[in-house]
Protein backbone atom coordinates (compact mmCIF):
# COMPACT_ATOMS: atom_id res chain seq x y z
CA MET A 1 19.20 -97.54 -3.81
CA ALA A 2 21.16 -100.76 -3.55
CA ILE A 3 24.84 -101.83 -3.26
CA PHE A 4 25.92 -104.97 -4.90
CA VAL A 5 29.91 -105.97 -4.14
CA GLY A 6 31.93 -108.81 -5.17
CA GLU A 7 33.06 -111.02 -7.94
CA SER A 8 29.38 -110.79 -9.42
CA LYS A 9 28.11 -107.46 -8.78
CA ASN A 10 27.50 -106.05 -12.24
CA SER A 11 25.33 -109.15 -13.22
CA ASP A 12 23.77 -109.70 -9.88
CA SER A 13 22.52 -106.05 -10.07
CA ALA A 14 21.78 -105.89 -13.19
CA LYS A 15 19.65 -109.24 -12.62
CA CYS A 16 17.80 -107.35 -9.84
CA ALA A 17 16.77 -104.94 -11.15
CA LEU A 18 14.72 -107.52 -13.45
CA GLN A 19 13.35 -108.84 -11.48
CA ILE A 20 12.34 -105.08 -9.53
CA ASN A 21 9.89 -104.97 -12.80
CA TYR A 22 8.28 -108.27 -12.93
CA THR A 23 6.93 -106.97 -9.33
CA VAL A 24 5.81 -104.16 -10.24
CA LYS A 25 4.12 -105.27 -13.28
CA HIS A 26 2.67 -108.22 -11.22
CA ILE A 27 2.54 -108.13 -8.20
CA VAL A 28 2.96 -104.17 -7.32
CA LYS A 29 0.69 -102.68 -9.88
CA PRO A 30 -2.58 -104.82 -9.89
CA ILE A 31 -2.35 -104.17 -5.87
CA VAL A 32 -2.59 -100.28 -6.76
CA GLU A 33 -4.69 -100.45 -9.87
CA ARG A 34 -7.40 -102.85 -7.49
CA ASN A 35 -7.05 -101.60 -4.50
CA LEU A 36 -6.93 -97.31 -5.90
CA SER A 37 -9.24 -97.34 -9.00
CA SER A 38 -9.96 -93.79 -7.97
CA LEU A 39 -5.79 -93.24 -9.62
CA THR A 40 -6.42 -95.37 -12.79
CA SER A 41 -9.84 -93.90 -13.64
CA LYS A 42 -8.89 -90.00 -13.32
CA GLY A 43 -5.55 -91.81 -15.98
CA TYR A 44 -3.38 -91.96 -13.25
CA LYS A 45 -0.64 -94.85 -14.41
CA LEU A 46 2.68 -96.71 -12.02
CA LYS A 47 5.90 -95.97 -13.44
CA HIS A 48 9.04 -97.13 -12.81
CA CYS A 49 12.45 -97.65 -13.98
CA VAL A 50 15.79 -98.80 -12.50
CA GLY A 51 19.51 -97.83 -13.45
CA VAL A 52 22.39 -99.10 -12.65
CA ALA A 53 25.76 -98.49 -12.64
CA SER A 54 29.06 -99.49 -11.08
CA GLY A 55 31.96 -97.98 -10.36
CA LYS A 56 33.60 -97.13 -6.34
CA SER A 57 31.59 -95.02 -4.48
CA LEU A 58 31.65 -93.47 -0.73
CA ILE A 59 29.08 -94.04 2.02
CA VAL A 60 28.79 -91.78 5.03
CA ARG A 61 26.48 -92.40 7.95
CA GLY A 62 24.88 -88.95 8.45
CA GLY A 63 22.08 -87.14 10.52
CA VAL A 64 21.90 -87.44 14.48
CA ARG A 65 21.62 -90.24 16.49
CA GLY A 66 18.17 -92.19 16.41
CA ASN A 67 17.85 -90.10 13.13
CA ASN A 68 20.57 -90.90 10.68
CA ASP A 69 20.55 -92.98 7.26
CA LEU A 70 23.27 -94.56 5.28
CA VAL A 71 23.62 -91.77 1.70
CA SER A 72 25.49 -92.68 -1.28
CA VAL A 73 28.43 -90.48 -2.89
CA GLY A 74 30.29 -90.29 -6.59
CA ARG A 75 29.52 -91.15 -10.31
CA PRO A 76 27.65 -94.90 -10.00
CA PRO A 77 25.14 -93.57 -7.44
CA ASN A 78 24.29 -90.73 -9.44
CA ILE A 79 24.01 -91.58 -12.34
CA ALA A 80 21.48 -95.23 -11.83
CA ALA A 81 19.43 -92.52 -10.29
CA LYS A 82 19.58 -90.82 -13.33
CA LEU A 83 18.99 -93.44 -15.42
CA SER A 84 15.92 -94.20 -12.37
CA ASP A 85 14.17 -90.59 -13.93
CA ILE A 86 14.05 -91.67 -17.47
CA ARG A 87 10.58 -93.85 -17.85
CA ASN A 88 10.34 -95.28 -21.05
CA ASP A 89 7.89 -98.05 -21.61
CA PRO A 90 8.27 -99.78 -21.90
CA TYR A 91 11.97 -99.83 -21.38
CA PHE A 92 12.60 -100.42 -17.20
CA THR A 93 15.87 -101.05 -16.75
CA TYR A 94 18.94 -99.07 -18.47
CA ILE A 95 22.27 -99.91 -17.48
CA THR A 96 25.70 -98.31 -18.60
CA LYS A 97 27.97 -99.69 -20.63
CA ASP A 98 30.42 -100.60 -17.73
CA VAL A 99 27.78 -103.18 -15.90
CA PHE A 100 26.62 -104.09 -19.27
CA ASP A 101 30.16 -105.23 -20.49
CA ARG A 102 31.07 -107.16 -17.18
CA LEU A 103 27.83 -109.27 -17.71
CA ASN A 104 27.57 -113.06 -16.91
CA LYS A 105 26.01 -115.11 -19.71
CA GLU A 106 22.60 -115.83 -17.55
CA SER A 107 21.72 -111.80 -17.14
CA LYS A 108 23.05 -111.01 -20.49
CA TYR A 109 21.00 -113.31 -22.93
CA GLY A 110 17.05 -115.58 -21.70
CA LYS A 111 16.55 -118.96 -22.16
CA ASP A 112 15.97 -119.00 -25.48
CA ASP A 113 19.78 -117.55 -25.77
CA ARG A 114 18.17 -113.61 -27.16
CA LEU A 115 20.47 -111.00 -25.95
CA MET A 116 17.90 -109.50 -23.18
CA TRP A 117 19.94 -105.57 -23.33
CA GLU A 118 19.49 -103.39 -26.12
CA GLY A 119 21.86 -100.93 -27.17
CA PRO A 120 24.28 -98.97 -26.84
CA TYR A 121 22.81 -95.71 -27.02
CA LEU A 122 24.18 -92.67 -27.10
CA ARG A 123 22.30 -90.66 -23.76
CA ASP A 124 22.96 -87.77 -21.99
CA VAL A 125 23.19 -88.85 -18.24
CA GLY A 126 23.58 -85.29 -16.26
CA GLY A 127 25.18 -83.46 -18.48
CA GLU A 128 28.12 -86.19 -19.51
CA ASN A 129 27.40 -88.95 -22.99
CA LEU A 130 27.35 -92.49 -22.01
CA HIS A 131 26.54 -95.40 -23.52
CA VAL A 132 23.80 -97.17 -21.96
CA TYR A 133 21.69 -100.40 -22.62
CA LYS A 134 18.16 -101.05 -21.87
CA SER A 135 16.02 -103.31 -21.36
CA SER A 136 11.98 -104.32 -20.87
CA TRP A 137 12.71 -107.94 -20.43
CA TYR A 138 11.16 -109.31 -16.62
CA TRP A 139 12.84 -111.41 -14.38
CA LYS A 140 10.79 -113.63 -11.99
CA PRO A 141 12.25 -113.63 -8.27
């Protein structure tokens, strides 16, 4: 879970999501497959997905002294978590229409001016019908 703030929070979060995709595909997955070949031989596939939503949330520190954590409460972290459960290869990033509508050009289009996002698609996300976009693109960090 990550929280982005500021004027470009939607673009920054979408870019970060695409960078996570690059990192998993080109760094993490090869290391896992090389070092844990027994998993691969048994059909295990490393899968991931990043969900991005935008809006107001409450961040609370919970727990006891020496054993606490930050907890995100609200609609955006809930939606982002549900989007990250999709894992529909080759699409590893899902963003809400609210996020897409606020993306800057760099986070919306590739270097060849092709749109990096497909959609919008109407999707049930935690009992709520939302317009979402998906991407199979990667962004090298």
